[in-house]
Amino acid sequence: MAALAWLLIPLFAVVGAAIWGSWAQRNKTIGDVAELAGYARFRDAMERSHSVPVPSATTPAVHDPASASASASAPALSEREGSPATTTG
């Protein structure tokens, strides 16, 4: 009887290995397809969010008194040189 028990241990190991092997070799492309489709939707959304037109110099600016008073009290810096810009008026 003890010999039969020793033969059942490797048998259970083989059955367990076969189950694990079939699980490890399963078809994984279904998850990849869904993940790639989600990435494509994300990429399209990012392209749409960056394609919003930026107001150009010909577009009339909206006058906001709150921002005008805040910008008047702070010295204006030239974008190119980083030094205070000269303003007239």
PDB file of N, CA and C in Angstrom:
ATOM      1  N   MET A   1       0.819  -1.194   0.000  1.00  0.00           N
ATOM      2  CA  MET A   1       0.000   0.000   0.000  1.00  0.00           C
ATOM      3  C   MET A   1       0.864   1.260   0.000  1.00  0.00           C
ATOM      4  N   ALA A   2       1.989   1.198   0.693  1.00  0.00           N
ATOM      5  CA  ALA A   2       2.877   2.351   0.745  1.00  0.00           C
ATOM      6  C   ALA A   2       3.461   2.625  -0.639  1.00  0.00           C
ATOM      7  N   ALA A   3       3.691   1.595  -1.416  1.00  0.00           N
ATOM      8  CA  ALA A   3       4.214   1.781  -2.766  1.00  0.00           C
ATOM      9  C   ALA A   3       3.196   2.489  -3.652  1.00  0.00           C
ATOM     10  N   LEU A   4       1.921   2.196  -3.449  1.00  0.00           N
ATOM     11  CA  LEU A   4       0.870   2.852  -4.209  1.00  0.00           C
ATOM     12  C   LEU A   4       0.807   4.342  -3.872  1.00  0.00           C
ATOM     13  N   ALA A   5       0.993   4.683  -2.613  1.00  0.00           N
ATOM     14  CA  ALA A   5       1.003   6.095  -2.200  1.00  0.00           C
ATOM     15  C   ALA A   5       2.172   6.825  -2.853  1.00  0.00           C
ATOM     16  N   TRP A   6       3.322   6.180  -2.923  1.00  0.00           N
ATOM     17  CA  TRP A   6       4.485   6.820  -3.552  1.00  0.00           C
ATOM     18  C   TRP A   6       4.297   6.969  -5.055  1.00  0.00           C
ATOM     19  N   LEU A   7       3.502   6.125  -5.666  1.00  0.00           N
ATOM     20  CA  LEU A   7       3.218   6.274  -7.084  1.00  0.00           C
ATOM     21  C   LEU A   7       2.161   7.348  -7.355  1.00  0.00           C
ATOM     22  N   LEU A   8       1.286   7.606  -6.410  1.00  0.00           N
ATOM     23  CA  LEU A   8       0.254   8.638  -6.584  1.00  0.00           C
ATOM     24  C   LEU A   8       0.828  10.052  -6.491  1.00  0.00           C
ATOM     25  N   ILE A   9       1.886  10.244  -5.739  1.00  0.00           N
ATOM     26  CA  ILE A   9       2.488  11.579  -5.597  1.00  0.00           C
ATOM     27  C   ILE A   9       2.991  12.092  -6.949  1.00  0.00           C
ATOM     28  N   PRO A  10       3.783  11.331  -7.701  1.00  0.00           N
ATOM     29  CA  PRO A  10       4.188  11.825  -9.028  1.00  0.00           C
ATOM     30  C   PRO A  10       3.009  11.955  -9.998  1.00  0.00           C
ATOM     31  N   LEU A  11       2.011  11.090  -9.853  1.00  0.00           N
ATOM     32  CA  LEU A  11       0.842  11.184 -10.715  1.00  0.00           C
ATOM     33  C   LEU A  11       0.117  12.514 -10.495  1.00  0.00           C
ATOM     34  N   PHE A  12      -0.079  12.899  -9.245  1.00  0.00           N
ATOM     35  CA  PHE A  12      -0.709  14.196  -8.947  1.00  0.00           C
ATOM     36  C   PHE A  12       0.166  15.359  -9.432  1.00  0.00           C
ATOM     37  N   ALA A  13       1.478  15.212  -9.341  1.00  0.00           N
ATOM     38  CA  ALA A  13       2.381  16.260  -9.822  1.00  0.00           C
ATOM     39  C   ALA A  13       2.268  16.419 -11.336  1.00  0.00           C
ATOM     40  N   VAL A  14       2.148  15.321 -12.056  1.00  0.00           N
ATOM     41  CA  VAL A  14       2.015  15.380 -13.512  1.00  0.00           C
ATOM     42  C   VAL A  14       0.679  16.015 -13.895  1.00  0.00           C
ATOM     43  N   VAL A  15      -0.391  15.645 -13.209  1.00  0.00           N
ATOM     44  CA  VAL A  15      -1.701  16.225 -13.499  1.00  0.00           C
ATOM     45  C   VAL A  15      -1.676  17.737 -13.198  1.00  0.00           C
ATOM     46  N   GLY A  16      -1.077  18.108 -12.082  1.00  0.00           N
ATOM     47  CA  GLY A  16      -0.968  19.528 -11.750  1.00  0.00           C
ATOM     48  C   GLY A  16      -0.130  20.298 -12.757  1.00  0.00           C
ATOM     49  N   ALA A  17       0.960  19.698 -13.208  1.00  0.00           N
ATOM     50  CA  ALA A  17       1.808  20.344 -14.206  1.00  0.00           C
ATOM     51  C   ALA A  17       1.073  20.492 -15.533  1.00  0.00           C
ATOM     52  N   ALA A  18       0.267  19.517 -15.899  1.00  0.00           N
ATOM     53  CA  ALA A  18      -0.503  19.592 -17.145  1.00  0.00           C
ATOM     54  C   ALA A  18      -1.544  20.700 -17.060  1.00  0.00           C
ATOM     55  N   ILE A  19      -2.190  20.818 -15.924  1.00  0.00           N
ATOM     56  CA  ILE A  19      -3.178  21.896 -15.746  1.00  0.00           C
ATOM     57  C   ILE A  19      -2.493  23.257 -15.806  1.00  0.00           C
ATOM     58  N   TRP A  20      -1.388  23.390 -15.105  1.00  0.00           N
ATOM     59  CA  TRP A  20      -0.665  24.671 -15.128  1.00  0.00           C
ATOM     60  C   TRP A  20      -0.144  24.993 -16.529  1.00  0.00           C
ATOM     61  N   GLY A  21       0.370  23.988 -17.241  1.00  0.00           N
ATOM     62  CA  GLY A  21       0.880  24.197 -18.597  1.00  0.00           C
ATOM     63  C   GLY A  21      -0.211  24.648 -19.558  1.00  0.00           C
ATOM     64  N   SER A  22      -1.392  24.045 -19.453  1.00  0.00           N
ATOM     65  CA  SER A  22      -2.482  24.466 -20.334  1.00  0.00           C
ATOM     66  C   SER A  22      -2.936  25.887 -19.993  1.00  0.00           C
ATOM     67  N   TRP A  23      -2.904  26.259 -18.737  1.00  0.00           N
ATOM     68  CA  TRP A  23      -3.266  27.631 -18.343  1.00  0.00           C
ATOM     69  C   TRP A  23      -2.209  28.629 -18.820  1.00  0.00           C
ATOM     70  N   ALA A  24      -0.945  28.254 -18.730  1.00  0.00           N
ATOM     71  CA  ALA A  24       0.129  29.158 -19.147  1.00  0.00           C
ATOM     72  C   ALA A  24       0.148  29.362 -20.658  1.00  0.00           C
ATOM     73  N   GLN A  25      -0.297  28.402 -21.428  1.00  0.00           N
ATOM     74  CA  GLN A  25      -0.292  28.500 -22.882  1.00  0.00           C
ATOM     75  C   GLN A  25      -1.627  28.969 -23.451  1.00  0.00           C
ATOM     76  N   ARG A  26      -2.492  29.533 -22.620  1.00  0.00           N
ATOM     77  CA  ARG A  26      -3.792  29.977 -23.110  1.00  0.00           C
ATOM     78  C   ARG A  26      -3.631  31.130 -24.097  1.00  0.00           C
ATOM     79  N   ASN A  27      -4.685  31.433 -24.836  1.00  0.00           N
ATOM     80  CA  ASN A  27      -4.664  32.489 -25.845  1.00  0.00           C
ATOM     81  C   ASN A  27      -4.743  33.846 -25.135  1.00  0.00           C
ATOM     82  N   LYS A  28      -3.689  34.610 -25.241  1.00  0.00           N
ATOM     83  CA  LYS A  28      -3.615  35.896 -24.548  1.00  0.00           C
ATOM     84  C   LYS A  28      -3.891  37.071 -25.481  1.00  0.00           C
ATOM     85  N   THR A  29      -4.192  36.829 -26.739  1.00  0.00           N
ATOM     86  CA  THR A  29      -4.364  37.923 -27.687  1.00  0.00           C
ATOM     87  C   THR A  29      -5.654  38.696 -27.459  1.00  0.00           C
ATOM     88  N   ILE A  30      -6.636  38.113 -26.816  1.00  0.00           N
ATOM     89  CA  ILE A  30      -7.892  38.819 -26.579  1.00  0.00           C
ATOM     90  C   ILE A  30      -7.649  40.033 -25.697  1.00  0.00           C
ATOM     91  N   GLY A  31      -6.892  39.881 -24.641  1.00  0.00           N
ATOM     92  CA  GLY A  31      -6.580  41.008 -23.764  1.00  0.00           C
ATOM     93  C   GLY A  31      -5.721  42.049 -24.455  1.00  0.00           C
ATOM     94  N   ASP A  32      -4.790  41.610 -25.304  1.00  0.00           N
ATOM     95  CA  ASP A  32      -3.930  42.547 -26.013  1.00  0.00           C
ATOM     96  C   ASP A  32      -4.728  43.405 -26.986  1.00  0.00           C
ATOM     97  N   VAL A  33      -5.689  42.799 -27.662  1.00  0.00           N
ATOM     98  CA  VAL A  33      -6.500  43.545 -28.628  1.00  0.00           C
ATOM     99  C   VAL A  33      -7.297  44.625 -27.911  1.00  0.00           C
ATOM    100  N   ALA A  34      -7.890  44.294 -26.780  1.00  0.00           N
ATOM    101  CA  ALA A  34      -8.662  45.282 -26.028  1.00  0.00           C
ATOM    102  C   ALA A  34      -7.755  46.386 -25.507  1.00  0.00           C
ATOM    103  N   GLU A  35      -6.565  46.028 -25.053  1.00  0.00           N
ATOM    104  CA  GLU A  35      -5.637  47.031 -24.540  1.00  0.00           C
ATOM    105  C   GLU A  35      -5.146  47.952 -25.655  1.00  0.00           C
ATOM    106  N   LEU A  36      -4.861  47.402 -26.820  1.00  0.00           N
ATOM    107  CA  LEU A  36      -4.421  48.223 -27.947  1.00  0.00           C
ATOM    108  C   LEU A  36      -5.541  49.125 -28.446  1.00  0.00           C
ATOM    109  N   ALA A  37      -6.780  48.650 -28.419  1.00  0.00           N
ATOM    110  CA  ALA A  37      -7.905  49.493 -28.826  1.00  0.00           C
ATOM    111  C   ALA A  37      -8.077  50.643 -27.843  1.00  0.00           C
ATOM    112  N   GLY A  38      -7.901  50.379 -26.556  1.00  0.00           N
ATOM    113  CA  GLY A  38      -7.975  51.445 -25.563  1.00  0.00           C
ATOM    114  C   GLY A  38      -6.871  52.467 -25.746  1.00  0.00           C
ATOM    115  N   TYR A  39      -5.684  52.005 -26.089  1.00  0.00           N
ATOM    116  CA  TYR A  39      -4.574  52.928 -26.331  1.00  0.00           C
ATOM    117  C   TYR A  39      -4.837  53.788 -27.562  1.00  0.00           C
ATOM    118  N   ALA A  40      -5.438  53.200 -28.598  1.00  0.00           N
ATOM    119  CA  ALA A  40      -5.772  53.973 -29.800  1.00  0.00           C
ATOM    120  C   ALA A  40      -6.813  55.036 -29.476  1.00  0.00           C
ATOM    121  N   ARG A  41      -7.805  54.698 -28.649  1.00  0.00           N
ATOM    122  CA  ARG A  41      -8.800  55.708 -28.245  1.00  0.00           C
ATOM    123  C   ARG A  41      -8.145  56.815 -27.445  1.00  0.00           C
ATOM    124  N   PHE A  42      -7.212  56.470 -26.571  1.00  0.00           N
ATOM    125  CA  PHE A  42      -6.495  57.473 -25.783  1.00  0.00           C
ATOM    126  C   PHE A  42      -5.688  58.402 -26.685  1.00  0.00           C
ATOM    127  N   ARG A  43      -4.994  57.817 -27.668  1.00  0.00           N
ATOM    128  CA  ARG A  43      -4.190  58.619 -28.592  1.00  0.00           C
ATOM    129  C   ARG A  43      -5.062  59.571 -29.405  1.00  0.00           C
ATOM    130  N   ASP A  44      -6.220  59.095 -29.862  1.00  0.00           N
ATOM    131  CA  ASP A  44      -7.141  59.953 -30.605  1.00  0.00           C
ATOM    132  C   ASP A  44      -7.658  61.095 -29.733  1.00  0.00           C
ATOM    133  N   ALA A  45      -7.953  60.794 -28.486  1.00  0.00           N
ATOM    134  CA  ALA A  45      -8.438  61.838 -27.576  1.00  0.00           C
ATOM    135  C   ALA A  45      -7.363  62.882 -27.319  1.00  0.00           C
ATOM    136  N   MET A  46      -6.118  62.451 -27.192  1.00  0.00           N
ATOM    137  CA  MET A  46      -5.042  63.411 -26.968  1.00  0.00           C
ATOM    138  C   MET A  46      -4.814  64.275 -28.203  1.00  0.00           C
ATOM    139  N   GLU A  47      -4.940  63.703 -29.384  1.00  0.00           N
ATOM    140  CA  GLU A  47      -4.791  64.495 -30.603  1.00  0.00           C
ATOM    141  C   GLU A  47      -5.911  65.519 -30.722  1.00  0.00           C
ATOM    142  N   ARG A  48      -7.122  65.138 -30.351  1.00  0.00           N
ATOM    143  CA  ARG A  48      -8.239  66.085 -30.409  1.00  0.00           C
ATOM    144  C   ARG A  48      -8.065  67.202 -29.403  1.00  0.00           C
ATOM    145  N   SER A  49      -7.546  66.910 -28.227  1.00  0.00           N
ATOM    146  CA  SER A  49      -7.413  67.955 -27.205  1.00  0.00           C
ATOM    147  C   SER A  49      -6.326  68.952 -27.580  1.00  0.00           C
ATOM    148  N   HIS A  50      -5.323  68.537 -28.349  1.00  0.00           N
ATOM    149  CA  HIS A  50      -4.265  69.462 -28.749  1.00  0.00           C
ATOM    150  C   HIS A  50      -4.583  70.187 -30.050  1.00  0.00           C
ATOM    151  N   SER A  51      -5.657  69.828 -30.711  1.00  0.00           N
ATOM    152  CA  SER A  51      -5.973  70.463 -31.982  1.00  0.00           C
ATOM    153  C   SER A  51      -6.925  71.647 -31.819  1.00  0.00           C
ATOM    154  N   VAL A  52      -7.147  72.105 -30.589  1.00  0.00           N
ATOM    155  CA  VAL A  52      -7.994  73.268 -30.349  1.00  0.00           C
ATOM    156  C   VAL A  52      -7.255  74.490 -30.867  1.00  0.00           C
ATOM    157  N   PRO A  53      -7.915  75.316 -31.703  1.00  0.00           N
ATOM    158  CA  PRO A  53      -7.212  76.469 -32.263  1.00  0.00           C
ATOM    159  C   PRO A  53      -6.860  77.492 -31.191  1.00  0.00           C
ATOM    160  N   VAL A  54      -5.670  78.021 -31.307  1.00  0.00           N
ATOM    161  CA  VAL A  54      -5.183  79.038 -30.384  1.00  0.00           C
ATOM    162  C   VAL A  54      -5.605  80.393 -30.935  1.00  0.00           C
ATOM    163  N   PRO A  55      -6.110  81.309 -30.088  1.00  0.00           N
ATOM    164  CA  PRO A  55      -6.503  82.628 -30.576  1.00  0.00           C
ATOM    165  C   PRO A  55      -5.306  83.340 -31.203  1.00  0.00           C
ATOM    166  N   SER A  56      -5.503  83.877 -32.372  1.00  0.00           N
ATOM    167  CA  SER A  56      -4.413  84.552 -33.070  1.00  0.00           C
ATOM    168  C   SER A  56      -4.446  86.038 -32.771  1.00  0.00           C
ATOM    169  N   ALA A  57      -3.486  86.775 -33.327  1.00  0.00           N
ATOM    170  CA  ALA A  57      -3.398  88.214 -33.089  1.00  0.00           C
ATOM    171  C   ALA A  57      -4.554  88.945 -33.753  1.00  0.00           C
ATOM    172  N   THR A  58      -5.185  88.355 -34.771  1.00  0.00           N
ATOM    173  CA  THR A  58      -6.299  89.020 -35.448  1.00  0.00           C
ATOM    174  C   THR A  58      -7.606  88.851 -34.696  1.00  0.00           C
ATOM    175  N   THR A  59      -7.674  87.905 -33.762  1.00  0.00           N
ATOM    176  CA  THR A  59      -8.877  87.705 -32.978  1.00  0.00           C
ATOM    177  C   THR A  59      -8.956  88.787 -31.917  1.00  0.00           C
ATOM    178  N   PRO A  60     -10.080  89.482 -31.808  1.00  0.00           N
ATOM    179  CA  PRO A  60     -10.173  90.531 -30.790  1.00  0.00           C
ATOM    180  C   PRO A  60     -10.140  89.931 -29.392  1.00  0.00           C
ATOM    181  N   ALA A  61      -9.395  90.562 -28.515  1.00  0.00           N
ATOM    182  CA  ALA A  61      -9.259  90.079 -27.147  1.00  0.00           C
ATOM    183  C   ALA A  61     -10.430  90.574 -26.316  1.00  0.00           C
ATOM    184  N   VAL A  62     -10.853  89.772 -25.366  1.00  0.00           N
ATOM    185  CA  VAL A  62     -11.918  90.151 -24.459  1.00  0.00           C
ATOM    186  C   VAL A  62     -11.301  90.969 -23.340  1.00  0.00           C
ATOM    187  N   HIS A  63     -11.891  92.120 -23.042  1.00  0.00           N
ATOM    188  CA  HIS A  63     -11.341  92.998 -22.016  1.00  0.00           C
ATOM    189  C   HIS A  63     -11.840  92.542 -20.654  1.00  0.00           C
ATOM    190  N   ASP A  64     -10.900  92.222 -19.775  1.00  0.00           N
ATOM    191  CA  ASP A  64     -11.222  91.807 -18.413  1.00  0.00           C
ATOM    192  C   ASP A  64     -10.592  92.817 -17.464  1.00  0.00           C
ATOM    193  N   PRO A  65     -11.400  93.642 -16.779  1.00  0.00           N
ATOM    194  CA  PRO A  65     -10.844  94.670 -15.903  1.00  0.00           C
ATOM    195  C   PRO A  65      -9.993  94.097 -14.779  1.00  0.00           C
ATOM    196  N   ALA A  66     -10.321  92.913 -14.271  1.00  0.00           N
ATOM    197  CA  ALA A  66      -9.553  92.340 -13.164  1.00  0.00           C
ATOM    198  C   ALA A  66      -8.137  91.990 -13.620  1.00  0.00           C
ATOM    199  N   SER A  67      -7.995  91.400 -14.794  1.00  0.00           N
ATOM    200  CA  SER A  67      -6.667  91.040 -15.261  1.00  0.00           C
ATOM    201  C   SER A  67      -5.894  92.268 -15.724  1.00  0.00           C
ATOM    202  N   ALA A  68      -6.595  93.290 -16.195  1.00  0.00           N
ATOM    203  CA  ALA A  68      -5.910  94.507 -16.632  1.00  0.00           C
ATOM    204  C   ALA A  68      -5.277  95.227 -15.449  1.00  0.00           C
ATOM    205  N   SER A  69      -5.970  95.291 -14.310  1.00  0.00           N
ATOM    206  CA  SER A  69      -5.396  95.968 -13.148  1.00  0.00           C
ATOM    207  C   SER A  69      -4.254  95.157 -12.550  1.00  0.00           C
ATOM    208  N   ALA A  70      -4.340  93.824 -12.609  1.00  0.00           N
ATOM    209  CA  ALA A  70      -3.269  92.983 -12.074  1.00  0.00           C
ATOM    210  C   ALA A  70      -2.021  93.093 -12.944  1.00  0.00           C
ATOM    211  N   SER A  71      -2.199  93.175 -14.255  1.00  0.00           N
ATOM    212  CA  SER A  71      -1.031  93.255 -15.121  1.00  0.00           C
ATOM    213  C   SER A  71      -0.428  94.658 -15.087  1.00  0.00           C
ATOM    214  N   ALA A  72      -1.217  95.664 -14.782  1.00  0.00           N
ATOM    215  CA  ALA A  72      -0.685  97.021 -14.719  1.00  0.00           C
ATOM    216  C   ALA A  72       0.198  97.207 -13.492  1.00  0.00           C
ATOM    217  N   SER A  73      -0.092  96.513 -12.397  1.00  0.00           N
ATOM    218  CA  SER A  73       0.702  96.679 -11.187  1.00  0.00           C
ATOM    219  C   SER A  73       2.006  95.874 -11.240  1.00  0.00           C
ATOM    220  N   ALA A  74       2.043  94.806 -12.015  1.00  0.00           N
ATOM    221  CA  ALA A  74       3.250  93.982 -12.114  1.00  0.00           C
ATOM    222  C   ALA A  74       4.073  94.449 -13.304  1.00  0.00           C
ATOM    223  N   PRO A  75       5.407  94.495 -13.158  1.00  0.00           N
ATOM    224  CA  PRO A  75       6.231  94.896 -14.308  1.00  0.00           C
ATOM    225  C   PRO A  75       6.190  93.826 -15.388  1.00  0.00           C
ATOM    226  N   ALA A  76       6.086  94.257 -16.618  1.00  0.00           N
ATOM    227  CA  ALA A  76       6.030  93.336 -17.747  1.00  0.00           C
ATOM    228  C   ALA A  76       7.444  92.878 -18.100  1.00  0.00           C
ATOM    229  N   LEU A  77       7.620  91.593 -18.351  1.00  0.00           N
ATOM    230  CA  LEU A  77       8.919  91.047 -18.733  1.00  0.00           C
ATOM    231  C   LEU A  77       8.888  90.671 -20.202  1.00  0.00           C
ATOM    232  N   SER A  78       9.951  90.995 -20.865  1.00  0.00           N
ATOM    233  CA  SER A  78      10.074  90.607 -22.259  1.00  0.00           C
ATOM    234  C   SER A  78      10.284  89.102 -22.312  1.00  0.00           C
ATOM    235  N   GLU A  79       9.585  88.414 -23.203  1.00  0.00           N
ATOM    236  CA  GLU A  79       9.705  86.950 -23.289  1.00  0.00           C
ATOM    237  C   GLU A  79      11.092  86.540 -23.750  1.00  0.00           C
ATOM    238  N   ARG A  80      11.711  87.345 -24.552  1.00  0.00           N
ATOM    239  CA  ARG A  80      12.985  86.967 -25.134  1.00  0.00           C
ATOM    240  C   ARG A  80      14.145  87.173 -24.182  1.00  0.00           C
ATOM    241  N   GLU A  81      14.173  88.288 -23.498  1.00  0.00           N
ATOM    242  CA  GLU A  81      15.345  88.625 -22.688  1.00  0.00           C
ATOM    243  C   GLU A  81      15.162  88.387 -21.202  1.00  0.00           C
ATOM    244  N   GLY A  82      13.932  88.280 -20.744  1.00  0.00           N
ATOM    245  CA  GLY A  82      13.701  88.068 -19.325  1.00  0.00           C
ATOM    246  C   GLY A  82      13.938  89.346 -18.516  1.00  0.00           C
ATOM    247  N   SER A  83      14.000  90.497 -19.162  1.00  0.00           N
ATOM    248  CA  SER A  83      14.194  91.755 -18.459  1.00  0.00           C
ATOM    249  C   SER A  83      12.933  92.596 -18.607  1.00  0.00           C
ATOM    250  N   PRO A  84      12.742  93.592 -17.752  1.00  0.00           N
ATOM    251  CA  PRO A  84      11.541  94.420 -17.863  1.00  0.00           C
ATOM    252  C   PRO A  84      11.462  95.096 -19.231  1.00  0.00           C
ATOM    253  N   ALA A  85      10.295  95.006 -19.833  1.00  0.00           N
ATOM    254  CA  ALA A  85      10.098  95.603 -21.149  1.00  0.00           C
ATOM    255  C   ALA A  85       9.718  97.057 -20.985  1.00  0.00           C
ATOM    256  N   THR A  86      10.068  97.842 -21.938  1.00  0.00           N
ATOM    257  CA  THR A  86       9.694  99.254 -21.884  1.00  0.00           C
ATOM    258  C   THR A  86       8.315  99.400 -22.450  1.00  0.00           C
ATOM    259  N   THR A  87       7.490 100.132 -21.734  1.00  0.00           N
ATOM    260  CA  THR A  87       6.128 100.370 -22.199  1.00  0.00           C
ATOM    261  C   THR A  87       5.920 101.869 -22.310  1.00  0.00           C
ATOM    262  N   THR A  88       5.124 102.255 -23.231  1.00  0.00           N
ATOM    263  CA  THR A  88       4.796 103.666 -23.396  1.00  0.00           C
ATOM    264  C   THR A  88       3.342 103.872 -23.076  1.00  0.00           C
ATOM    265  N   GLY A  89       3.053 105.006 -22.513  1.00  0.00           N
ATOM    266  CA  GLY A  89       1.641 105.326 -22.327  1.00  0.00           C
ATOM    267  C   GLY A  89       1.285 105.562 -20.960  1.00  0.00           C
TER     268      GLY A  89
END
